Amino acid sequence: MQISLSYQQKKILESRHKMSRDKRECDRIKAILLSAEGWSEELISQALRKHKTSITRHLNDYVTSQKITSDNGGSEGYLS
């Protein structure tokens, strides 16, 4: 899957990558940016050390719903 991004979209993703502390979110952003640069899913998965199906899912999530963040939010806190 090849993703095309505008210059503005690339800049937004790059700045978000710099500010993010979540490794999963950074990997998603890197996958999107690399795909926009013409990398194949196989090369992206090898570079990021993730399974090809994970990369495919990340790219599909971005194309369908602009999803960058992970759904792993942890649990609710018990302290009040």
PDB file of N, CA and C in Angstrom:
ATOM      1  N   MET A   1       0.839  -1.164   0.000  1.00  0.00           N
ATOM      2  CA  MET A   1       0.000   0.000   0.000  1.00  0.00           C
ATOM      3  C   MET A   1       0.894   1.240   0.000  1.00  0.00           C
ATOM      4  N   GLN A   2       0.633   2.109  -0.908  1.00  0.00           N
ATOM      5  CA  GLN A   2       1.387   3.351  -1.028  1.00  0.00           C
ATOM      6  C   GLN A   2       0.535   4.497  -0.514  1.00  0.00           C
ATOM      7  N   ILE A   3       1.065   5.261   0.415  1.00  0.00           N
ATOM      8  CA  ILE A   3       0.359   6.412   0.961  1.00  0.00           C
ATOM      9  C   ILE A   3       0.969   7.669   0.362  1.00  0.00           C
ATOM     10  N   SER A   4       0.109   8.606  -0.033  1.00  0.00           N
ATOM     11  CA  SER A   4       0.621   9.885  -0.513  1.00  0.00           C
ATOM     12  C   SER A   4       0.247  10.965   0.500  1.00  0.00           C
ATOM     13  N   LEU A   5       1.229  11.771   0.858  1.00  0.00           N
ATOM     14  CA  LEU A   5       1.043  12.830   1.833  1.00  0.00           C
ATOM     15  C   LEU A   5       1.450  14.166   1.223  1.00  0.00           C
ATOM     16  N   SER A   6       0.760  15.199   1.628  1.00  0.00           N
ATOM     17  CA  SER A   6       1.161  16.540   1.206  1.00  0.00           C
ATOM     18  C   SER A   6       2.356  16.978   2.060  1.00  0.00           C
ATOM     19  N   TYR A   7       2.991  18.044   1.633  1.00  0.00           N
ATOM     20  CA  TYR A   7       4.125  18.580   2.381  1.00  0.00           C
ATOM     21  C   TYR A   7       3.689  18.943   3.799  1.00  0.00           C
ATOM     22  N   GLN A   8       2.526  19.543   3.929  1.00  0.00           N
ATOM     23  CA  GLN A   8       2.014  19.959   5.240  1.00  0.00           C
ATOM     24  C   GLN A   8       1.751  18.742   6.132  1.00  0.00           C
ATOM     25  N   GLN A   9       1.165  17.687   5.570  1.00  0.00           N
ATOM     26  CA  GLN A   9       0.897  16.476   6.344  1.00  0.00           C
ATOM     27  C   GLN A   9       2.203  15.853   6.838  1.00  0.00           C
ATOM     28  N   LYS A  10       3.222  15.834   5.983  1.00  0.00           N
ATOM     29  CA  LYS A  10       4.525  15.291   6.399  1.00  0.00           C
ATOM     30  C   LYS A  10       5.102  16.083   7.551  1.00  0.00           C
ATOM     31  N   LYS A  11       5.044  17.398   7.471  1.00  0.00           N
ATOM     32  CA  LYS A  11       5.583  18.241   8.535  1.00  0.00           C
ATOM     33  C   LYS A  11       4.839  18.027   9.851  1.00  0.00           C
ATOM     34  N   ILE A  12       3.527  17.876   9.773  1.00  0.00           N
ATOM     35  CA  ILE A  12       2.736  17.634  10.983  1.00  0.00           C
ATOM     36  C   ILE A  12       3.135  16.298  11.613  1.00  0.00           C
ATOM     37  N   LEU A  13       3.255  15.258  10.790  1.00  0.00           N
ATOM     38  CA  LEU A  13       3.645  13.944  11.311  1.00  0.00           C
ATOM     39  C   LEU A  13       5.056  13.962  11.881  1.00  0.00           C
ATOM     40  N   GLU A  14       5.979  14.647  11.208  1.00  0.00           N
ATOM     41  CA  GLU A  14       7.353  14.710  11.707  1.00  0.00           C
ATOM     42  C   GLU A  14       7.430  15.441  13.044  1.00  0.00           C
ATOM     43  N   SER A  15       6.690  16.527  13.189  1.00  0.00           N
ATOM     44  CA  SER A  15       6.719  17.253  14.467  1.00  0.00           C
ATOM     45  C   SER A  15       6.047  16.443  15.569  1.00  0.00           C
ATOM     46  N   ARG A  16       4.979  15.729  15.222  1.00  0.00           N
ATOM     47  CA  ARG A  16       4.324  14.880  16.224  1.00  0.00           C
ATOM     48  C   ARG A  16       5.259  13.740  16.652  1.00  0.00           C
ATOM     49  N   HIS A  17       6.034  13.221  15.707  1.00  0.00           N
ATOM     50  CA  HIS A  17       6.992  12.167  16.021  1.00  0.00           C
ATOM     51  C   HIS A  17       8.047  12.672  17.003  1.00  0.00           C
ATOM     52  N   LYS A  18       8.503  13.884  16.808  1.00  0.00           N
ATOM     53  CA  LYS A  18       9.509  14.456  17.715  1.00  0.00           C
ATOM     54  C   LYS A  18       8.963  14.661  19.122  1.00  0.00           C
ATOM     55  N   MET A  19       7.697  15.028  19.231  1.00  0.00           N
ATOM     56  CA  MET A  19       7.109  15.333  20.538  1.00  0.00           C
ATOM     57  C   MET A  19       6.601  14.102  21.277  1.00  0.00           C
ATOM     58  N   SER A  20       6.318  13.030  20.563  1.00  0.00           N
ATOM     59  CA  SER A  20       5.706  11.852  21.178  1.00  0.00           C
ATOM     60  C   SER A  20       6.716  11.071  22.019  1.00  0.00           C
ATOM     61  N   ARG A  21       6.230  10.562  23.145  1.00  0.00           N
ATOM     62  CA  ARG A  21       7.044   9.704  23.996  1.00  0.00           C
ATOM     63  C   ARG A  21       6.599   8.241  23.907  1.00  0.00           C
ATOM     64  N   ASP A  22       5.504   8.018  23.184  1.00  0.00           N
ATOM     65  CA  ASP A  22       4.956   6.672  23.037  1.00  0.00           C
ATOM     66  C   ASP A  22       5.641   5.982  21.857  1.00  0.00           C
ATOM     67  N   LYS A  23       6.369   4.915  22.141  1.00  0.00           N
ATOM     68  CA  LYS A  23       7.111   4.190  21.107  1.00  0.00           C
ATOM     69  C   LYS A  23       6.187   3.631  20.032  1.00  0.00           C
ATOM     70  N   ARG A  24       5.001   3.165  20.431  1.00  0.00           N
ATOM     71  CA  ARG A  24       4.061   2.595  19.454  1.00  0.00           C
ATOM     72  C   ARG A  24       3.566   3.663  18.488  1.00  0.00           C
ATOM     73  N   GLU A  25       3.284   4.842  19.021  1.00  0.00           N
ATOM     74  CA  GLU A  25       2.837   5.935  18.162  1.00  0.00           C
ATOM     75  C   GLU A  25       3.956   6.355  17.209  1.00  0.00           C
ATOM     76  N   CYS A  26       5.177   6.396  17.702  1.00  0.00           N
ATOM     77  CA  CYS A  26       6.321   6.750  16.849  1.00  0.00           C
ATOM     78  C   CYS A  26       6.502   5.732  15.729  1.00  0.00           C
ATOM     79  N   ASP A  27       6.337   4.446  16.039  1.00  0.00           N
ATOM     80  CA  ASP A  27       6.456   3.420  15.005  1.00  0.00           C
ATOM     81  C   ASP A  27       5.370   3.565  13.943  1.00  0.00           C
ATOM     82  N   ARG A  28       4.160   3.897  14.353  1.00  0.00           N
ATOM     83  CA  ARG A  28       3.073   4.118  13.395  1.00  0.00           C
ATOM     84  C   ARG A  28       3.405   5.287  12.474  1.00  0.00           C
ATOM     85  N   ILE A  29       3.902   6.376  13.060  1.00  0.00           N
ATOM     86  CA  ILE A  29       4.239   7.556  12.267  1.00  0.00           C
ATOM     87  C   ILE A  29       5.375   7.245  11.302  1.00  0.00           C
ATOM     88  N   LYS A  30       6.390   6.524  11.777  1.00  0.00           N
ATOM     89  CA  LYS A  30       7.503   6.153  10.895  1.00  0.00           C
ATOM     90  C   LYS A  30       7.024   5.284   9.738  1.00  0.00           C
ATOM     91  N   ALA A  31       6.121   4.357  10.012  1.00  0.00           N
ATOM     92  CA  ALA A  31       5.592   3.496   8.952  1.00  0.00           C
ATOM     93  C   ALA A  31       4.864   4.324   7.900  1.00  0.00           C
ATOM     94  N   ILE A  32       4.078   5.298   8.344  1.00  0.00           N
ATOM     95  CA  ILE A  32       3.333   6.149   7.414  1.00  0.00           C
ATOM     96  C   ILE A  32       4.289   6.979   6.572  1.00  0.00           C
ATOM     97  N   LEU A  33       5.273   7.592   7.217  1.00  0.00           N
ATOM     98  CA  LEU A  33       6.227   8.436   6.493  1.00  0.00           C
ATOM     99  C   LEU A  33       7.064   7.616   5.506  1.00  0.00           C
ATOM    100  N   LEU A  34       7.492   6.445   5.917  1.00  0.00           N
ATOM    101  CA  LEU A  34       8.288   5.603   5.017  1.00  0.00           C
ATOM    102  C   LEU A  34       7.465   5.130   3.824  1.00  0.00           C
ATOM    103  N   SER A  35       6.208   4.820   4.063  1.00  0.00           N
ATOM    104  CA  SER A  35       5.338   4.428   2.958  1.00  0.00           C
ATOM    105  C   SER A  35       5.171   5.586   1.973  1.00  0.00           C
ATOM    106  N   ALA A  36       5.051   6.792   2.497  1.00  0.00           N
ATOM    107  CA  ALA A  36       4.917   7.967   1.631  1.00  0.00           C
ATOM    108  C   ALA A  36       6.189   8.218   0.820  1.00  0.00           C
ATOM    109  N   GLU A  37       7.319   7.739   1.326  1.00  0.00           N
ATOM    110  CA  GLU A  37       8.595   7.885   0.614  1.00  0.00           C
ATOM    111  C   GLU A  37       8.839   6.762  -0.385  1.00  0.00           C
ATOM    112  N   GLY A  38       7.890   5.839  -0.488  1.00  0.00           N
ATOM    113  CA  GLY A  38       7.992   4.790  -1.492  1.00  0.00           C
ATOM    114  C   GLY A  38       8.480   3.447  -0.983  1.00  0.00           C
ATOM    115  N   TRP A  39       8.670   3.300   0.310  1.00  0.00           N
ATOM    116  CA  TRP A  39       9.120   2.028   0.862  1.00  0.00           C
ATOM    117  C   TRP A  39       7.983   1.011   0.795  1.00  0.00           C
ATOM    118  N   SER A  40       8.341  -0.238   0.568  1.00  0.00           N
ATOM    119  CA  SER A  40       7.341  -1.308   0.575  1.00  0.00           C
ATOM    120  C   SER A  40       7.051  -1.722   2.017  1.00  0.00           C
ATOM    121  N   GLU A  41       5.945  -2.416   2.205  1.00  0.00           N
ATOM    122  CA  GLU A  41       5.584  -2.886   3.547  1.00  0.00           C
ATOM    123  C   GLU A  41       6.629  -3.855   4.090  1.00  0.00           C
ATOM    124  N   GLU A  42       7.220  -4.652   3.222  1.00  0.00           N
ATOM    125  CA  GLU A  42       8.251  -5.600   3.653  1.00  0.00           C
ATOM    126  C   GLU A  42       9.475  -4.867   4.184  1.00  0.00           C
ATOM    127  N   LEU A  43       9.911  -3.811   3.469  1.00  0.00           N
ATOM    128  CA  LEU A  43      11.070  -3.050   3.916  1.00  0.00           C
ATOM    129  C   LEU A  43      10.789  -2.296   5.211  1.00  0.00           C
ATOM    130  N   ILE A  44       9.588  -1.742   5.316  1.00  0.00           N
ATOM    131  CA  ILE A  44       9.217  -1.024   6.536  1.00  0.00           C
ATOM    132  C   ILE A  44       9.208  -1.976   7.726  1.00  0.00           C
ATOM    133  N   SER A  45       8.628  -3.161   7.535  1.00  0.00           N
ATOM    134  CA  SER A  45       8.565  -4.123   8.638  1.00  0.00           C
ATOM    135  C   SER A  45       9.960  -4.579   9.049  1.00  0.00           C
ATOM    136  N   GLN A  46      10.842  -4.716   8.093  1.00  0.00           N
ATOM    137  CA  GLN A  46      12.216  -5.107   8.415  1.00  0.00           C
ATOM    138  C   GLN A  46      12.933  -3.976   9.150  1.00  0.00           C
ATOM    139  N   ALA A  47      12.771  -2.750   8.704  1.00  0.00           N
ATOM    140  CA  ALA A  47      13.452  -1.618   9.320  1.00  0.00           C
ATOM    141  C   ALA A  47      12.960  -1.355  10.741  1.00  0.00           C
ATOM    142  N   LEU A  48      11.646  -1.506  10.962  1.00  0.00           N
ATOM    143  CA  LEU A  48      11.077  -1.232  12.281  1.00  0.00           C
ATOM    144  C   LEU A  48      11.029  -2.459  13.180  1.00  0.00           C
ATOM    145  N   ARG A  49      11.442  -3.601  12.639  1.00  0.00           N
ATOM    146  CA  ARG A  49      11.425  -4.863  13.380  1.00  0.00           C
ATOM    147  C   ARG A  49      10.033  -5.211  13.886  1.00  0.00           C
ATOM    148  N   LYS A  50       9.042  -5.046  12.983  1.00  0.00           N
ATOM    149  CA  LYS A  50       7.667  -5.401  13.279  1.00  0.00           C
ATOM    150  C   LYS A  50       7.188  -6.367  12.206  1.00  0.00           C
ATOM    151  N   HIS A  51       6.152  -7.119  12.528  1.00  0.00           N
ATOM    152  CA  HIS A  51       5.594  -8.067  11.572  1.00  0.00           C
ATOM    153  C   HIS A  51       4.901  -7.310  10.444  1.00  0.00           C
ATOM    154  N   LYS A  52       4.930  -7.874   9.249  1.00  0.00           N
ATOM    155  CA  LYS A  52       4.346  -7.224   8.079  1.00  0.00           C
ATOM    156  C   LYS A  52       2.851  -6.951   8.270  1.00  0.00           C
ATOM    157  N   THR A  53       2.143  -7.838   8.943  1.00  0.00           N
ATOM    158  CA  THR A  53       0.709  -7.607   9.160  1.00  0.00           C
ATOM    159  C   THR A  53       0.469  -6.401  10.064  1.00  0.00           C
ATOM    160  N   SER A  54       1.376  -6.159  11.004  1.00  0.00           N
ATOM    161  CA  SER A  54       1.247  -4.979  11.861  1.00  0.00           C
ATOM    162  C   SER A  54       1.419  -3.706  11.039  1.00  0.00           C
ATOM    163  N   ILE A  55       2.387  -3.703  10.147  1.00  0.00           N
ATOM    164  CA  ILE A  55       2.622  -2.539   9.291  1.00  0.00           C
ATOM    165  C   ILE A  55       1.419  -2.321   8.380  1.00  0.00           C
ATOM    166  N   THR A  56       0.897  -3.378   7.811  1.00  0.00           N
ATOM    167  CA  THR A  56      -0.284  -3.275   6.951  1.00  0.00           C
ATOM    168  C   THR A  56      -1.462  -2.692   7.726  1.00  0.00           C
ATOM    169  N   ARG A  57      -1.651  -3.158   8.961  1.00  0.00           N
ATOM    170  CA  ARG A  57      -2.737  -2.653   9.797  1.00  0.00           C
ATOM    171  C   ARG A  57      -2.528  -1.171  10.123  1.00  0.00           C
ATOM    172  N   HIS A  58      -1.296  -0.769  10.456  1.00  0.00           N
ATOM    173  CA  HIS A  58      -1.006   0.640  10.750  1.00  0.00           C
ATOM    174  C   HIS A  58      -1.331   1.525   9.550  1.00  0.00           C
ATOM    175  N   LEU A  59      -0.929   1.093   8.370  1.00  0.00           N
ATOM    176  CA  LEU A  59      -1.166   1.888   7.166  1.00  0.00           C
ATOM    177  C   LEU A  59      -2.654   1.946   6.836  1.00  0.00           C
ATOM    178  N   ASN A  60      -3.347   0.821   6.967  1.00  0.00           N
ATOM    179  CA  ASN A  60      -4.797   0.811   6.714  1.00  0.00           C
ATOM    180  C   ASN A  60      -5.541   1.697   7.706  1.00  0.00           C
ATOM    181  N   ASP A  61      -5.132   1.663   8.973  1.00  0.00           N
ATOM    182  CA  ASP A  61      -5.767   2.510   9.979  1.00  0.00           C
ATOM    183  C   ASP A  61      -5.582   3.985   9.644  1.00  0.00           C
ATOM    184  N   TYR A  62      -4.415   4.342   9.146  1.00  0.00           N
ATOM    185  CA  TYR A  62      -4.176   5.743   8.803  1.00  0.00           C
ATOM    186  C   TYR A  62      -5.007   6.157   7.585  1.00  0.00           C
ATOM    187  N   VAL A  63      -5.074   5.290   6.585  1.00  0.00           N
ATOM    188  CA  VAL A  63      -5.816   5.625   5.371  1.00  0.00           C
ATOM    189  C   VAL A  63      -7.306   5.751   5.660  1.00  0.00           C
ATOM    190  N   THR A  64      -7.850   4.854   6.462  1.00  0.00           N
ATOM    191  CA  THR A  64      -9.291   4.857   6.693  1.00  0.00           C
ATOM    192  C   THR A  64      -9.738   5.897   7.712  1.00  0.00           C
ATOM    193  N   SER A  65      -8.941   6.105   8.772  1.00  0.00           N
ATOM    194  CA  SER A  65      -9.425   6.990   9.834  1.00  0.00           C
ATOM    195  C   SER A  65      -8.369   7.942  10.390  1.00  0.00           C
ATOM    196  N   GLN A  66      -7.255   8.126   9.679  1.00  0.00           N
ATOM    197  CA  GLN A  66      -6.188   9.024  10.131  1.00  0.00           C
ATOM    198  C   GLN A  66      -5.691   8.648  11.530  1.00  0.00           C
ATOM    199  N   LYS A  67      -5.706   7.354  11.864  1.00  0.00           N
ATOM    200  CA  LYS A  67      -5.324   6.887  13.192  1.00  0.00           C
ATOM    201  C   LYS A  67      -3.806   6.850  13.327  1.00  0.00           C
ATOM    202  N   ILE A  68      -3.324   7.470  14.389  1.00  0.00           N
ATOM    203  CA  ILE A  68      -1.894   7.464  14.691  1.00  0.00           C
ATOM    204  C   ILE A  68      -1.639   6.879  16.072  1.00  0.00           C
ATOM    205  N   THR A  69      -2.533   7.151  17.007  1.00  0.00           N
ATOM    206  CA  THR A  69      -2.319   6.700  18.376  1.00  0.00           C
ATOM    207  C   THR A  69      -2.722   5.245  18.543  1.00  0.00           C
ATOM    208  N   SER A  70      -2.178   4.641  19.577  1.00  0.00           N
ATOM    209  CA  SER A  70      -2.491   3.262  19.899  1.00  0.00           C
ATOM    210  C   SER A  70      -3.735   3.213  20.779  1.00  0.00           C
ATOM    211  N   ASP A  71      -4.473   2.122  20.718  1.00  0.00           N
ATOM    212  CA  ASP A  71      -5.664   1.968  21.539  1.00  0.00           C
ATOM    213  C   ASP A  71      -5.325   1.479  22.946  1.00  0.00           C
ATOM    214  N   ASN A  72      -4.075   1.163  23.191  1.00  0.00           N
ATOM    215  CA  ASN A  72      -3.661   0.665  24.501  1.00  0.00           C
ATOM    216  C   ASN A  72      -3.585   1.836  25.464  1.00  0.00           C
ATOM    217  N   GLY A  73      -4.641   2.064  26.185  1.00  0.00           N
ATOM    218  CA  GLY A  73      -4.691   3.188  27.109  1.00  0.00           C
ATOM    219  C   GLY A  73      -4.454   2.796  28.550  1.00  0.00           C
ATOM    220  N   GLY A  74      -4.292   1.533  28.819  1.00  0.00           N
ATOM    221  CA  GLY A  74      -4.116   1.096  30.199  1.00  0.00           C
ATOM    222  C   GLY A  74      -5.466   0.973  30.900  1.00  0.00           C
ATOM    223  N   SER A  75      -5.414   0.903  32.196  1.00  0.00           N
ATOM    224  CA  SER A  75      -6.638   0.750  32.958  1.00  0.00           C
ATOM    225  C   SER A  75      -6.940   2.039  33.718  1.00  0.00           C
ATOM    226  N   GLU A  76      -8.149   2.087  34.260  1.00  0.00           N
ATOM    227  CA  GLU A  76      -8.558   3.248  35.048  1.00  0.00           C
ATOM    228  C   GLU A  76      -7.799   3.236  36.375  1.00  0.00           C
ATOM    229  N   GLY A  77      -7.486   4.410  36.870  1.00  0.00           N
ATOM    230  CA  GLY A  77      -6.798   4.515  38.137  1.00  0.00           C
ATOM    231  C   GLY A  77      -7.723   4.208  39.310  1.00  0.00           C
ATOM    232  N   TYR A  78      -7.170   3.697  40.369  1.00  0.00           N
ATOM    233  CA  TYR A  78      -7.957   3.361  41.552  1.00  0.00           C
ATOM    234  C   TYR A  78      -7.922   4.459  42.610  1.00  0.00           C
ATOM    235  N   LEU A  79      -6.990   5.376  42.516  1.00  0.00           N
ATOM    236  CA  LEU A  79      -6.876   6.434  43.502  1.00  0.00           C
ATOM    237  C   LEU A  79      -7.802   7.586  43.151  1.00  0.00           C
ATOM    238  N   SER A  80      -8.308   8.236  44.162  1.00  0.00           N
ATOM    239  CA  SER A  80      -9.179   9.390  43.930  1.00  0.00           C
ATOM    240  C   SER A  80      -8.455  10.673  44.273  1.00  0.00           C
TER     241      SER A  80
END
